[in-house]
C-alpha atoms as a PDB file:
ATOM      1  CA  MET A   1      -1.022 -19.994   3.978  1.00  0.00           C
ATOM      2  CA  LYS A   2      -0.961 -23.835   3.844  1.00  0.00           C
ATOM      3  CA  LYS A   3      -4.206 -25.437   5.017  1.00  0.00           C
ATOM      4  CA  ILE A   4      -4.174 -28.739   6.984  1.00  0.00           C
ATOM      5  CA  VAL A   5      -7.201 -31.045   6.713  1.00  0.00           C
ATOM      6  CA  LEU A   6      -8.109 -34.503   8.027  1.00  0.00           C
ATOM      7  CA  SER A   7      -9.007 -36.896   5.248  1.00  0.00           C
ATOM      8  CA  VAL A   8     -12.456 -38.491   5.338  1.00  0.00           C
ATOM      9  CA  ALA A   9     -10.909 -41.935   4.924  1.00  0.00           C
ATOM     10  CA  ALA A  10      -8.648 -41.384   7.896  1.00  0.00           C
ATOM     11  CA  MET A  11     -11.531 -40.263  10.122  1.00  0.00           C
ATOM     12  CA  SER A  12     -13.571 -43.295   9.083  1.00  0.00           C
ATOM     13  CA  SER A  13     -10.637 -45.547   9.844  1.00  0.00           C
ATOM     14  CA  LEU A  14     -10.276 -44.013  13.278  1.00  0.00           C
ATOM     15  CA  MET A  15     -13.966 -44.331  14.121  1.00  0.00           C
ATOM     16  CA  PHE A  16     -14.627 -47.806  12.840  1.00  0.00           C
ATOM     17  CA  ALA A  17     -11.304 -49.623  12.639  1.00  0.00           C
ATOM     18  CA  GLY A  18      -9.130 -47.927  15.193  1.00  0.00           C
ATOM     19  CA  GLY A  19      -6.651 -46.750  12.553  1.00  0.00           C
ATOM     20  CA  ASP A  20      -4.265 -43.846  12.794  1.00  0.00           C
ATOM     21  CA  ILE A  21      -5.210 -40.327  11.763  1.00  0.00           C
ATOM     22  CA  VAL A  22      -3.598 -39.289   8.483  1.00  0.00           C
ATOM     23  CA  VAL A  23      -3.068 -35.592   7.896  1.00  0.00           C
ATOM     24  CA  ALA A  24      -3.331 -34.348   4.309  1.00  0.00           C
ATOM     25  CA  THR A  25      -1.931 -30.980   3.333  1.00  0.00           C
ATOM     26  CA  SER A  26      -2.515 -28.713   0.380  1.00  0.00           C
ATOM     27  CA  ASP A  27       0.496 -28.141  -1.845  1.00  0.00           C
ATOM     28  CA  VAL A  28      -0.749 -24.716  -2.908  1.00  0.00           C
ATOM     29  CA  GLU A  29       0.655 -21.783  -0.911  1.00  0.00           C
ATOM     30  CA  GLU A  30       0.550 -18.063  -1.478  1.00  0.00           C
ATOM     31  CA  SER A  31       3.960 -16.513  -1.957  1.00  0.00           C
ATOM     32  CA  GLY A  32       3.013 -13.469   0.111  1.00  0.00           C
ATOM     33  CA  PHE A  33       4.529 -11.069  -2.442  1.00  0.00           C
ATOM     34  CA  TYR A  34       2.621  -8.396  -4.318  1.00  0.00           C
ATOM     35  CA  MET A  35       3.462  -5.598  -6.769  1.00  0.00           C
ATOM     36  CA  GLY A  36       1.542  -2.693  -8.210  1.00  0.00           C
ATOM     37  CA  ALA A  37       1.446   0.886  -9.426  1.00  0.00           C
ATOM     38  CA  GLY A  38      -0.376   4.082  -8.622  1.00  0.00           C
ATOM     39  CA  ILE A  39      -1.062   7.697  -9.536  1.00  0.00           C
ATOM     40  CA  VAL A  40      -0.104  10.165  -6.795  1.00  0.00           C
ATOM     41  CA  ALA A  41      -1.306  13.738  -6.228  1.00  0.00           C
ATOM     42  CA  ILE A  42       1.025  15.658  -3.885  1.00  0.00           C
ATOM     43  CA  SER A  43       0.451  18.942  -2.101  1.00  0.00           C
ATOM     44  CA  ALA A  44       3.774  20.687  -1.362  1.00  0.00           C
ATOM     45  CA  ARG A  45       3.462  23.955   0.548  1.00  0.00           C
ATOM     46  CA  ASP A  46       4.735  26.324   3.154  1.00  0.00           C
ATOM     47  CA  SER A  47       4.097  24.911   6.623  1.00  0.00           C
ATOM     48  CA  GLU A  48       1.845  27.883   7.397  1.00  0.00           C
ATOM     49  CA  ALA A  49      -0.401  27.189   4.389  1.00  0.00           C
ATOM     50  CA  THR A  50      -3.595  25.127   4.703  1.00  0.00           C
ATOM     51  CA  LEU A  51      -3.679  21.723   2.996  1.00  0.00           C
ATOM     52  CA  ASN A  52      -5.937  21.785  -0.058  1.00  0.00           C
ATOM     53  CA  PHE A  53      -5.523  19.309  -2.929  1.00  0.00           C
ATOM     54  CA  PHE A  54      -8.181  20.983  -5.095  1.00  0.00           C
ATOM     55  CA  ASP A  55      -7.673  24.743  -4.779  1.00  0.00           C
ATOM     56  CA  ILE A  56      -3.996  25.600  -4.974  1.00  0.00           C
ATOM     57  CA  GLU A  57      -3.055  28.752  -3.075  1.00  0.00           C
ATOM     58  CA  HIS A  58      -0.075  31.107  -3.384  1.00  0.00           C
ATOM     59  CA  ASP A  59       2.199  29.191  -0.995  1.00  0.00           C
ATOM     60  CA  GLN A  60       1.175  25.740  -2.237  1.00  0.00           C
ATOM     61  CA  ASP A  61       1.767  23.660  -5.343  1.00  0.00           C
ATOM     62  CA  ARG A  62       0.188  20.460  -6.636  1.00  0.00           C
ATOM     63  CA  LEU A  63       2.246  17.768  -8.330  1.00  0.00           C
ATOM     64  CA  GLY A  64       1.384  14.636 -10.309  1.00  0.00           C
ATOM     65  CA  ASN A  65       3.466  11.508  -9.837  1.00  0.00           C
ATOM     66  CA  ALA A  66       3.627   7.838 -10.782  1.00  0.00           C
ATOM     67  CA  SER A  67       4.520   5.285  -8.123  1.00  0.00           C
ATOM     68  CA  LEU A  68       5.630   1.655  -7.976  1.00  0.00           C
ATOM     69  CA  HIS A  69       4.687  -0.542  -5.010  1.00  0.00           C
ATOM     70  CA  ALA A  70       6.122  -3.853  -3.788  1.00  0.00           C
ATOM     71  CA  GLY A  71       5.273  -5.687  -0.597  1.00  0.00           C
ATOM     72  CA  TYR A  72       5.224  -8.913   1.365  1.00  0.00           C
ATOM     73  CA  TRP A  73       2.543 -10.235   3.732  1.00  0.00           C
ATOM     74  CA  ILE A  74       4.300 -11.190   6.970  1.00  0.00           C
ATOM     75  CA  THR A  75       0.974 -12.434   8.349  1.00  0.00           C
ATOM     76  CA  GLU A  76      -2.564 -12.347   7.004  1.00  0.00           C
ATOM     77  CA  TYR A  77      -3.063  -8.909   8.555  1.00  0.00           C
ATOM     78  CA  LEU A  78       0.394  -7.307   8.419  1.00  0.00           C
ATOM     79  CA  ALA A  79       2.562  -6.499   5.406  1.00  0.00           C
ATOM     80  CA  VAL A  80       5.784  -4.617   4.777  1.00  0.00           C
ATOM     81  CA  GLU A  81       5.572  -2.369   1.707  1.00  0.00           C
ATOM     82  CA  GLY A  82       8.015  -0.225  -0.263  1.00  0.00           C
ATOM     83  CA  ARG A  83       7.059   2.642  -2.582  1.00  0.00           C
ATOM     84  CA  TYR A  84       9.024   4.667  -5.112  1.00  0.00           C
ATOM     85  CA  ALA A  85       7.632   7.619  -7.078  1.00  0.00           C
ATOM     86  CA  VAL A  86       8.831  10.086  -9.703  1.00  0.00           C
ATOM     87  CA  GLY A  87       7.128  13.258 -10.893  1.00  0.00           C
ATOM     88  CA  PHE A  88       5.576  13.657 -14.334  1.00  0.00           C
ATOM     89  CA  GLN A  89       3.501  16.820 -13.827  1.00  0.00           C
ATOM     90  CA  ASP A  90       3.810  19.989 -11.753  1.00  0.00           C
ATOM     91  CA  GLU A  91       1.891  23.254 -11.550  1.00  0.00           C
ATOM     92  CA  ASP A  92       4.146  26.297 -11.736  1.00  0.00           C
ATOM     93  CA  LYS A  93       6.331  26.504  -8.636  1.00  0.00           C
ATOM     94  CA  ILE A  94       8.121  23.265  -7.748  1.00  0.00           C
ATOM     95  CA  GLU A  95       8.615  19.724  -9.019  1.00  0.00           C
ATOM     96  CA  MET A  96       9.334  16.480  -7.222  1.00  0.00           C
ATOM     97  CA  ASP A  97      12.632  14.836  -8.053  1.00  0.00           C
ATOM     98  CA  ARG A  98      11.945  11.545  -6.288  1.00  0.00           C
ATOM     99  CA  MET A  99      10.166   9.970  -3.346  1.00  0.00           C
ATOM    100  CA  TRP A 100      10.617   6.639  -1.568  1.00  0.00           C
ATOM    101  CA  SER A 101       9.026   5.081   1.494  1.00  0.00           C
ATOM    102  CA  ILE A 102       9.002   1.814   3.408  1.00  0.00           C
ATOM    103  CA  PHE A 103       5.988   1.020   5.575  1.00  0.00           C
ATOM    104  CA  LEU A 104       4.543  -1.487   7.970  1.00  0.00           C
ATOM    105  CA  LYS A 105       0.983  -2.005   6.767  1.00  0.00           C
ATOM    106  CA  PRO A 106      -1.501  -3.319   9.376  1.00  0.00           C
ATOM    107  CA  THR A 107      -4.761  -4.301   7.655  1.00  0.00           C
ATOM    108  CA  TYR A 108      -8.291  -5.181   8.747  1.00  0.00           C
ATOM    109  CA  LYS A 109     -10.254  -7.262   6.222  1.00  0.00           C
ATOM    110  CA  PHE A 110     -14.054  -7.156   6.128  1.00  0.00           C
ATOM    111  CA  ASP A 111     -14.549 -10.829   5.335  1.00  0.00           C
ATOM    112  CA  ASP A 112     -15.033 -14.090   7.214  1.00  0.00           C
ATOM    113  CA  ASP A 113     -14.271 -17.800   6.908  1.00  0.00           C
ATOM    114  CA  GLU A 114     -17.388 -18.467   4.818  1.00  0.00           C
ATOM    115  CA  ASN A 115     -16.506 -15.691   2.372  1.00  0.00           C
ATOM    116  CA  ARG A 116     -12.990 -17.045   2.066  1.00  0.00           C
ATOM    117  CA  ALA A 117     -14.250 -20.569   1.366  1.00  0.00           C
ATOM    118  CA  ASN A 118     -16.486 -19.163  -1.390  1.00  0.00           C
ATOM    119  CA  GLY A 119     -13.731 -16.989  -2.842  1.00  0.00           C
ATOM    120  CA  GLU A 120     -15.740 -13.778  -2.463  1.00  0.00           C
ATOM    121  CA  ASN A 121     -14.384 -10.249  -2.940  1.00  0.00           C
ATOM    122  CA  TYR A 122     -13.890  -8.045   0.112  1.00  0.00           C
ATOM    123  CA  PHE A 123     -13.127  -4.549   1.428  1.00  0.00           C
ATOM    124  CA  ALA A 124     -10.262  -3.706   3.805  1.00  0.00           C
ATOM    125  CA  VAL A 125      -8.882  -0.713   5.683  1.00  0.00           C
ATOM    126  CA  TYR A 126      -5.207  -0.281   6.467  1.00  0.00           C
ATOM    127  CA  GLY A 127      -2.621   1.947   8.047  1.00  0.00           C
ATOM    128  CA  LEU A 128       0.848   2.927   6.879  1.00  0.00           C
ATOM    129  CA  LEU A 129       3.654   3.521   9.388  1.00  0.00           C
ATOM    130  CA  GLY A 130       7.223   3.974   8.277  1.00  0.00           C
ATOM    131  CA  TYR A 131      10.130   6.032   7.025  1.00  0.00           C
ATOM    132  CA  GLY A 132      10.767   7.801   3.742  1.00  0.00           C
ATOM    133  CA  ASN A 133      12.490  10.515   1.729  1.00  0.00           C
ATOM    134  CA  ILE A 134      11.158  13.230  -0.556  1.00  0.00           C
ATOM    135  CA  SER A 135      13.037  15.721  -2.745  1.00  0.00           C
ATOM    136  CA  PHE A 136      11.733  18.907  -4.424  1.00  0.00           C
ATOM    137  CA  GLU A 137      13.260  21.387  -6.864  1.00  0.00           C
ATOM    138  CA  GLY A 138      12.091  24.784  -8.119  1.00  0.00           C
ATOM    139  CA  VAL A 139      10.721  25.367 -11.634  1.00  0.00           C
ATOM    140  CA  ASN A 140       9.984  28.405 -13.818  1.00  0.00           C
ATOM    141  CA  LYS A 141      12.966  30.340 -12.410  1.00  0.00           C
ATOM    142  CA  LEU A 142      11.751  29.870  -8.823  1.00  0.00           C
ATOM    143  CA  GLU A 143      14.422  28.621  -6.479  1.00  0.00           C
ATOM    144  CA  GLY A 144      13.620  25.457  -4.565  1.00  0.00           C
ATOM    145  CA  ASP A 145      15.666  22.859  -2.753  1.00  0.00           C
ATOM    146  CA  ILE A 146      14.166  20.437  -0.224  1.00  0.00           C
ATOM    147  CA  ASP A 147      15.566  16.977   0.486  1.00  0.00           C
ATOM    148  CA  ASP A 148      14.224  15.485   3.689  1.00  0.00           C
ATOM    149  CA  SER A 149      13.884  12.055   5.309  1.00  0.00           C
ATOM    150  CA  GLY A 150      11.759  11.109   8.286  1.00  0.00           C
ATOM    151  CA  PHE A 151       8.658   9.469   9.728  1.00  0.00           C
ATOM    152  CA  GLN A 152       5.683   9.011   7.397  1.00  0.00           C
ATOM    153  CA  TRP A 153       2.192   7.674   8.036  1.00  0.00           C
ATOM    154  CA  GLY A 154      -1.059   7.117   6.183  1.00  0.00           C
ATOM    155  CA  LEU A 155      -4.538   5.585   6.040  1.00  0.00           C
ATOM    156  CA  GLY A 156      -6.237   3.762   3.189  1.00  0.00           C
ATOM    157  CA  VAL A 157      -9.072   1.593   1.899  1.00  0.00           C
ATOM    158  CA  SER A 158      -8.941  -1.251  -0.615  1.00  0.00           C
ATOM    159  CA  TYR A 159     -11.134  -3.714  -2.495  1.00  0.00           C
ATOM    160  CA  THR A 160      -9.814  -7.158  -3.410  1.00  0.00           C
ATOM    161  CA  PHE A 161     -11.042  -9.325  -6.292  1.00  0.00           C
ATOM    162  CA  ARG A 162     -10.483 -12.878  -5.126  1.00  0.00           C
ATOM    163  CA  ALA A 163     -10.568 -16.140  -7.093  1.00  0.00           C
ATOM    164  CA  ILE A 164     -10.550 -19.765  -5.954  1.00  0.00           C
ATOM    165  CA  SER A 165      -7.346 -21.511  -6.967  1.00  0.00           C
ATOM    166  CA  THR A 166      -8.349 -24.347  -9.329  1.00  0.00           C
ATOM    167  CA  ALA A 167      -5.183 -26.240  -8.345  1.00  0.00           C
ATOM    168  CA  ASP A 168      -6.263 -26.474  -4.706  1.00  0.00           C
ATOM    169  CA  SER A 169      -8.960 -29.096  -4.076  1.00  0.00           C
ATOM    170  CA  HIS A 170      -9.250 -28.015  -0.439  1.00  0.00           C
ATOM    171  CA  GLY A 171     -10.547 -24.559  -1.295  1.00  0.00           C
ATOM    172  CA  SER A 172      -7.520 -22.330  -0.647  1.00  0.00           C
ATOM    173  CA  TYR A 173      -7.938 -18.888  -2.113  1.00  0.00           C
ATOM    174  CA  ARG A 174      -5.713 -16.480  -3.980  1.00  0.00           C
ATOM    175  CA  ASP A 175      -6.005 -12.693  -3.570  1.00  0.00           C
ATOM    176  CA  ASN A 176      -5.409 -11.794  -7.205  1.00  0.00           C
ATOM    177  CA  TRP A 177      -6.030  -8.060  -7.634  1.00  0.00           C
ATOM    178  CA  THR A 178      -6.564  -5.196  -5.208  1.00  0.00           C
ATOM    179  CA  VAL A 179      -7.540  -1.599  -6.005  1.00  0.00           C
ATOM    180  CA  PHE A 180      -6.759   0.954  -3.321  1.00  0.00           C
ATOM    181  CA  ALA A 181      -6.814   4.619  -2.340  1.00  0.00           C
ATOM    182  CA  ASP A 182      -4.879   6.181   0.520  1.00  0.00           C
ATOM    183  CA  TYR A 183      -3.718   9.414   2.133  1.00  0.00           C
ATOM    184  CA  THR A 184      -0.105   9.766   3.321  1.00  0.00           C
ATOM    185  CA  CYS A 185       1.620  12.427   5.391  1.00  0.00           C
ATOM    186  CA  LEU A 186       5.033  12.655   3.698  1.00  0.00           C
ATOM    187  CA  GLY A 187       6.718  15.295   5.827  1.00  0.00           C
ATOM    188  CA  ARG A 188       6.182  18.102   8.311  1.00  0.00           C
ATOM    189  CA  ASP A 189       8.331  21.207   8.855  1.00  0.00           C
ATOM    190  CA  MET A 190      10.941  20.120   6.308  1.00  0.00           C
ATOM    191  CA  GLU A 191      13.719  22.706   6.159  1.00  0.00           C
ATOM    192  CA  GLY A 192      14.925  24.060   2.827  1.00  0.00           C
ATOM    193  CA  ILE A 193      14.296  26.661   0.158  1.00  0.00           C
ATOM    194  CA  ILE A 194      10.830  26.850  -1.331  1.00  0.00           C
ATOM    195  CA  LEU A 195       9.427  29.603  -3.554  1.00  0.00           C
ATOM    196  CA  ASP A 196      12.699  31.582  -3.403  1.00  0.00           C
ATOM    197  CA  TYR A 197      12.921  31.783   0.391  1.00  0.00           C
ATOM    198  CA  PRO A 198      14.352  29.623   3.190  1.00  0.00           C
ATOM    199  CA  ARG A 199      11.331  28.222   4.975  1.00  0.00           C
ATOM    200  CA  LYS A 200       9.737  25.072   6.344  1.00  0.00           C
ATOM    201  CA  ALA A 201       7.516  22.978   4.119  1.00  0.00           C
ATOM    202  CA  ASP A 202       4.847  20.276   4.470  1.00  0.00           C
ATOM    203  CA  ALA A 203       3.934  17.572   1.970  1.00  0.00           C
ATOM    204  CA  ASP A 204       0.925  15.216   1.738  1.00  0.00           C
ATOM    205  CA  SER A 205      -0.255  12.788  -0.927  1.00  0.00           C
ATOM    206  CA  LEU A 206      -3.370  11.073  -2.257  1.00  0.00           C
ATOM    207  CA  THR A 207      -2.672   7.804  -4.095  1.00  0.00           C
ATOM    208  CA  MET A 208      -4.926   5.559  -6.202  1.00  0.00           C
ATOM    209  CA  GLY A 209      -3.682   2.345  -7.734  1.00  0.00           C
ATOM    210  CA  ILE A 210      -3.820  -1.401  -8.200  1.00  0.00           C
ATOM    211  CA  VAL A 211      -1.639  -4.304  -7.010  1.00  0.00           C
ATOM    212  CA  TYR A 212      -1.327  -7.947  -8.041  1.00  0.00           C
ATOM    213  CA  HIS A 213      -0.801 -10.725  -5.470  1.00  0.00           C
ATOM    214  CA  PHE A 214       1.489 -13.567  -6.563  1.00  0.00           C
END
């Protein structure tokens, strides 16, 4: 965001010589864009099964995925973010063909004006509200076919490593790197074939990753 400051010379001119106020602006602006990547653990299961990422039950499977993230900060506290993931590891029942999502990302940052002026690092919490698609297939001779789109939501925490921009003499900051972890509800009561039978399925994810702010 471009900062506007009153020059010391202009203020002195106004106070002592009756001159006009001159407004000086910083030429350094953040683009608002960011990109990153993550590792995603997905629980795909029968809707009657209990969610458990760590102890896989009979009607549940755990999948490993890699995701790409790209977003844009509309305001300081609201971004729009897209995600795309592909599977690279599955247990023994199903595999994920693909997954994509687009979210609004409201964020609360635990920092203040003094921290920003000093370029200090900070924590944040955020929500994810949007729409996405997820597709599963069966493996190891188990039949599976789920391809569903719908509402998705999530919650996350992040930590940003911030550095003062040396090109900005007025102290503007640049949010360089952010590490994050979040939970996302990917789908509820998705209709299809899972583990050889027509049934409804649920899917949830845990994601850890890092993004770079341009």
